[in-house]
Amino acid sequence: MKLNYLFPHPYKRIGLMLLIPLMIAGWFIINFDVEPEFLDFEVPALFVDEIFGEKFMFGLTENNILNEIIGVALIICFLMVAFSKEKQEDELIEKIRLDSLVWATYANYAVLLFSMLFVFGISFFWVMICNMFTILLFFIIRFNWQVRTLNKNMSHEE
């Protein structure tokens, strides 16, 4: 079956090679509040509502773009890993992909519901930031687990 919405298989390896260092960098940036001055720019903003600052719509604001660079790169890498073709792409792999995506959606929203009920304040903000990436992370883990299980079962049958 011809799947036009998937990236070519080599994108998976490229995405994985970039994903691990980006996740480590993201964790480091979050935990140590890294903001190099050379990445401070005036950027366009749709909405600005600073805690002790100005509030406006549609304008320019001073921002360190490191978080945005890491966030965009993480999303691209997650998408490359999650939606690259397998070496042997067939209807069974397609079904596993769909089932894993549904499962990841349920798991992602379970985490979100749990967080809404039991996590508050700025901690909830950090959970929401991480929650942007967890659906793809859950999908990648589940999909690869299912494919690996399928491959083990196939090799045992031979």
C-alpha atoms as a PDB file:
ATOM      1  CA  MET A   1       0.000   0.000   0.000  1.00  0.00           C
ATOM      2  CA  LYS A   2       1.318   3.431  -0.933  1.00  0.00           C
ATOM      3  CA  LEU A   3       1.344   5.751   2.097  1.00  0.00           C
ATOM      4  CA  ASN A   4       1.995   9.305   0.972  1.00  0.00           C
ATOM      5  CA  TYR A   5       1.916  10.883   4.407  1.00  0.00           C
ATOM      6  CA  LEU A   6       5.004   9.068   5.726  1.00  0.00           C
ATOM      7  CA  PHE A   7       8.590  10.263   5.441  1.00  0.00           C
ATOM      8  CA  PRO A   8      11.168   8.023   3.765  1.00  0.00           C
ATOM      9  CA  HIS A   9      12.770   5.453   6.092  1.00  0.00           C
ATOM     10  CA  PRO A  10      16.183   7.231   6.439  1.00  0.00           C
ATOM     11  CA  TYR A  11      14.433  10.163   8.164  1.00  0.00           C
ATOM     12  CA  LYS A  12      13.859   7.936  11.187  1.00  0.00           C
ATOM     13  CA  ARG A  13      17.586   7.530  11.809  1.00  0.00           C
ATOM     14  CA  ILE A  14      18.256  11.245  11.253  1.00  0.00           C
ATOM     15  CA  GLY A  15      15.434  12.166  13.629  1.00  0.00           C
ATOM     16  CA  LEU A  16      16.724   9.775  16.307  1.00  0.00           C
ATOM     17  CA  MET A  17      20.285  11.060  16.033  1.00  0.00           C
ATOM     18  CA  LEU A  18      19.063  14.615  16.630  1.00  0.00           C
ATOM     19  CA  LEU A  19      16.259  13.801  19.079  1.00  0.00           C
ATOM     20  CA  ILE A  20      18.395  12.450  21.931  1.00  0.00           C
ATOM     21  CA  PRO A  21      20.754  15.468  22.153  1.00  0.00           C
ATOM     22  CA  LEU A  22      17.818  17.859  21.751  1.00  0.00           C
ATOM     23  CA  MET A  23      15.915  16.193  24.609  1.00  0.00           C
ATOM     24  CA  ILE A  24      19.001  16.459  26.827  1.00  0.00           C
ATOM     25  CA  ALA A  25      19.462  20.106  25.816  1.00  0.00           C
ATOM     26  CA  GLY A  26      15.777  20.816  26.508  1.00  0.00           C
ATOM     27  CA  TRP A  27      16.010  19.221  29.951  1.00  0.00           C
ATOM     28  CA  PHE A  28      19.179  21.210  30.676  1.00  0.00           C
ATOM     29  CA  ILE A  29      17.610  24.487  29.533  1.00  0.00           C
ATOM     30  CA  ILE A  30      14.476  23.939  31.625  1.00  0.00           C
ATOM     31  CA  ASN A  31      16.328  22.903  34.773  1.00  0.00           C
ATOM     32  CA  PHE A  32      19.117  25.483  34.649  1.00  0.00           C
ATOM     33  CA  ASP A  33      17.225  28.372  33.007  1.00  0.00           C
ATOM     34  CA  VAL A  34      19.787  28.843  30.231  1.00  0.00           C
ATOM     35  CA  GLU A  35      19.255  31.947  28.071  1.00  0.00           C
ATOM     36  CA  PRO A  36      22.351  33.045  26.130  1.00  0.00           C
ATOM     37  CA  GLU A  37      22.290  36.771  25.409  1.00  0.00           C
ATOM     38  CA  PHE A  38      23.181  36.386  21.727  1.00  0.00           C
ATOM     39  CA  LEU A  39      19.751  34.769  21.217  1.00  0.00           C
ATOM     40  CA  ASP A  40      17.849  37.802  22.556  1.00  0.00           C
ATOM     41  CA  PHE A  41      15.756  39.271  19.736  1.00  0.00           C
ATOM     42  CA  GLU A  42      12.723  41.405  19.153  1.00  0.00           C
ATOM     43  CA  VAL A  43      10.163  38.981  17.781  1.00  0.00           C
ATOM     44  CA  PRO A  44       6.594  39.359  16.507  1.00  0.00           C
ATOM     45  CA  ALA A  45       3.943  38.373  19.027  1.00  0.00           C
ATOM     46  CA  LEU A  46       0.214  37.808  18.732  1.00  0.00           C
ATOM     47  CA  PHE A  47      -0.452  38.021  22.481  1.00  0.00           C
ATOM     48  CA  VAL A  48       1.801  39.222  25.287  1.00  0.00           C
ATOM     49  CA  ASP A  49       0.732  39.026  28.917  1.00  0.00           C
ATOM     50  CA  GLU A  50       3.766  39.294  31.144  1.00  0.00           C
ATOM     51  CA  ILE A  51       3.306  38.678  34.863  1.00  0.00           C
ATOM     52  CA  PHE A  52       4.747  42.007  35.975  1.00  0.00           C
ATOM     53  CA  GLY A  53       4.953  43.688  32.603  1.00  0.00           C
ATOM     54  CA  GLU A  54       3.003  44.828  29.648  1.00  0.00           C
ATOM     55  CA  LYS A  55      -0.062  43.288  28.067  1.00  0.00           C
ATOM     56  CA  PHE A  56      -0.823  43.771  24.396  1.00  0.00           C
ATOM     57  CA  MET A  57      -1.922  42.113  21.179  1.00  0.00           C
ATOM     58  CA  PHE A  58      -0.053  42.159  17.869  1.00  0.00           C
ATOM     59  CA  GLY A  59       3.332  43.722  18.323  1.00  0.00           C
ATOM     60  CA  LEU A  60       7.006  43.129  18.934  1.00  0.00           C
ATOM     61  CA  THR A  61       8.469  41.851  22.177  1.00  0.00           C
ATOM     62  CA  GLU A  62      11.961  41.116  23.438  1.00  0.00           C
ATOM     63  CA  ASN A  63      12.492  37.355  23.754  1.00  0.00           C
ATOM     64  CA  ASN A  64      15.293  34.825  24.027  1.00  0.00           C
ATOM     65  CA  ILE A  65      14.563  32.384  21.197  1.00  0.00           C
ATOM     66  CA  LEU A  66      16.493  29.370  22.552  1.00  0.00           C
ATOM     67  CA  ASN A  67      13.306  27.741  23.877  1.00  0.00           C
ATOM     68  CA  GLU A  68      11.622  28.188  20.519  1.00  0.00           C
ATOM     69  CA  ILE A  69      14.586  26.770  18.605  1.00  0.00           C
ATOM     70  CA  ILE A  70      14.736  23.675  20.833  1.00  0.00           C
ATOM     71  CA  GLY A  71      10.939  23.255  20.815  1.00  0.00           C
ATOM     72  CA  VAL A  72      10.621  23.484  17.022  1.00  0.00           C
ATOM     73  CA  ALA A  73      13.601  21.159  16.510  1.00  0.00           C
ATOM     74  CA  LEU A  74      12.133  18.638  18.982  1.00  0.00           C
ATOM     75  CA  ILE A  75       8.769  18.642  17.226  1.00  0.00           C
ATOM     76  CA  ILE A  76      10.404  18.147  13.820  1.00  0.00           C
ATOM     77  CA  CYS A  77      12.590  15.306  15.119  1.00  0.00           C
ATOM     78  CA  PHE A  78       9.675  13.620  16.915  1.00  0.00           C
ATOM     79  CA  LEU A  79       7.643  13.800  13.691  1.00  0.00           C
ATOM     80  CA  MET A  80      10.522  12.385  11.662  1.00  0.00           C
ATOM     81  CA  VAL A  81      10.928   9.445  14.045  1.00  0.00           C
ATOM     82  CA  ALA A  82       7.211   8.813  14.485  1.00  0.00           C
ATOM     83  CA  PHE A  83       6.106   9.102  10.876  1.00  0.00           C
ATOM     84  CA  SER A  84       8.917   7.590   8.833  1.00  0.00           C
ATOM     85  CA  LYS A  85       8.245   4.432   6.890  1.00  0.00           C
ATOM     86  CA  GLU A  86       9.505   1.145   8.247  1.00  0.00           C
ATOM     87  CA  LYS A  87      11.837  -0.971   6.111  1.00  0.00           C
ATOM     88  CA  GLN A  88       8.933  -3.352   5.529  1.00  0.00           C
ATOM     89  CA  GLU A  89       5.816  -1.190   5.411  1.00  0.00           C
ATOM     90  CA  ASP A  90       2.637  -3.236   4.935  1.00  0.00           C
ATOM     91  CA  GLU A  91      -0.996  -3.313   6.078  1.00  0.00           C
ATOM     92  CA  LEU A  92      -0.111  -4.871   9.446  1.00  0.00           C
ATOM     93  CA  ILE A  93       2.428  -2.138  10.198  1.00  0.00           C
ATOM     94  CA  GLU A  94      -0.167   0.423   9.125  1.00  0.00           C
ATOM     95  CA  LYS A  95      -2.672  -1.092  11.593  1.00  0.00           C
ATOM     96  CA  ILE A  96      -0.066  -1.095  14.373  1.00  0.00           C
ATOM     97  CA  ARG A  97       0.695   2.554  13.544  1.00  0.00           C
ATOM     98  CA  LEU A  98      -2.982   3.530  13.784  1.00  0.00           C
ATOM     99  CA  ASP A  99      -3.565   1.538  16.988  1.00  0.00           C
ATOM    100  CA  SER A 100      -0.457   3.088  18.545  1.00  0.00           C
ATOM    101  CA  LEU A 101      -1.602   6.580  17.631  1.00  0.00           C
ATOM    102  CA  VAL A 102      -5.002   6.007  19.237  1.00  0.00           C
ATOM    103  CA  TRP A 103      -3.368   4.488  22.331  1.00  0.00           C
ATOM    104  CA  ALA A 104      -0.910   7.421  22.559  1.00  0.00           C
ATOM    105  CA  THR A 105      -3.791   9.889  22.371  1.00  0.00           C
ATOM    106  CA  TYR A 106      -5.582   8.162  25.241  1.00  0.00           C
ATOM    107  CA  ALA A 107      -2.388   7.980  27.314  1.00  0.00           C
ATOM    108  CA  ASN A 108      -1.565  11.626  26.618  1.00  0.00           C
ATOM    109  CA  TYR A 109      -4.985  12.807  27.748  1.00  0.00           C
ATOM    110  CA  ALA A 110      -4.867  10.527  30.788  1.00  0.00           C
ATOM    111  CA  VAL A 111      -1.676  12.328  31.834  1.00  0.00           C
ATOM    112  CA  LEU A 112      -3.358  15.663  31.138  1.00  0.00           C
ATOM    113  CA  LEU A 113      -6.469  14.782  33.185  1.00  0.00           C
ATOM    114  CA  PHE A 114      -4.333  13.511  36.064  1.00  0.00           C
ATOM    115  CA  SER A 115      -2.293  16.730  35.947  1.00  0.00           C
ATOM    116  CA  MET A 116      -5.388  18.931  35.896  1.00  0.00           C
ATOM    117  CA  LEU A 117      -6.622  17.235  39.055  1.00  0.00           C
ATOM    118  CA  PHE A 118      -3.389  16.922  41.033  1.00  0.00           C
ATOM    119  CA  VAL A 119      -0.768  19.415  39.755  1.00  0.00           C
ATOM    120  CA  PHE A 120      -1.091  23.151  40.385  1.00  0.00           C
ATOM    121  CA  GLY A 121       0.681  26.461  39.943  1.00  0.00           C
ATOM    122  CA  ILE A 122       3.812  26.808  37.862  1.00  0.00           C
ATOM    123  CA  SER A 123       4.289  23.021  38.011  1.00  0.00           C
ATOM    124  CA  PHE A 124       1.140  22.642  35.914  1.00  0.00           C
ATOM    125  CA  PHE A 125       2.619  25.052  33.379  1.00  0.00           C
ATOM    126  CA  TRP A 126       5.702  22.806  33.068  1.00  0.00           C
ATOM    127  CA  VAL A 127       3.502  19.723  32.745  1.00  0.00           C
ATOM    128  CA  MET A 128       1.630  21.442  29.903  1.00  0.00           C
ATOM    129  CA  ILE A 129       4.891  22.257  28.127  1.00  0.00           C
ATOM    130  CA  CYS A 130       6.034  18.640  28.398  1.00  0.00           C
ATOM    131  CA  ASN A 131       2.551  17.457  27.391  1.00  0.00           C
ATOM    132  CA  MET A 132       3.059  19.039  23.967  1.00  0.00           C
ATOM    133  CA  PHE A 133       5.650  16.365  23.256  1.00  0.00           C
ATOM    134  CA  THR A 134       4.301  13.349  25.149  1.00  0.00           C
ATOM    135  CA  ILE A 135       1.752  12.285  22.549  1.00  0.00           C
ATOM    136  CA  LEU A 136       4.532  11.747  20.003  1.00  0.00           C
ATOM    137  CA  LEU A 137       6.786  10.168  22.627  1.00  0.00           C
ATOM    138  CA  PHE A 138       4.025   7.752  23.711  1.00  0.00           C
ATOM    139  CA  PHE A 139       3.316   6.932  20.059  1.00  0.00           C
ATOM    140  CA  ILE A 140       6.978   6.219  19.273  1.00  0.00           C
ATOM    141  CA  ILE A 141       7.390   3.994  22.333  1.00  0.00           C
ATOM    142  CA  ARG A 142       4.179   2.055  21.744  1.00  0.00           C
ATOM    143  CA  PHE A 143       4.654   1.677  17.980  1.00  0.00           C
ATOM    144  CA  ASN A 144       8.245   0.456  18.254  1.00  0.00           C
ATOM    145  CA  TRP A 145       7.316  -1.886  21.111  1.00  0.00           C
ATOM    146  CA  GLN A 146       4.523  -3.411  19.014  1.00  0.00           C
ATOM    147  CA  VAL A 147       6.737  -3.755  15.923  1.00  0.00           C
ATOM    148  CA  ARG A 148       9.507  -5.356  17.998  1.00  0.00           C
ATOM    149  CA  THR A 149       6.981  -7.768  19.553  1.00  0.00           C
ATOM    150  CA  LEU A 150       5.663  -8.626  16.090  1.00  0.00           C
ATOM    151  CA  ASN A 151       9.184  -9.268  14.799  1.00  0.00           C
ATOM    152  CA  LYS A 152       9.995 -11.506  17.804  1.00  0.00           C
ATOM    153  CA  ASN A 153       6.817 -13.519  17.288  1.00  0.00           C
ATOM    154  CA  MET A 154       7.557 -13.878  13.561  1.00  0.00           C
ATOM    155  CA  SER A 155      11.111 -15.089  14.244  1.00  0.00           C
ATOM    156  CA  HIS A 156       9.833 -17.621  16.836  1.00  0.00           C
ATOM    157  CA  GLU A 157       7.373 -19.033  14.316  1.00  0.00           C
ATOM    158  CA  GLU A 158      10.136 -19.705  11.793  1.00  0.00           C
END
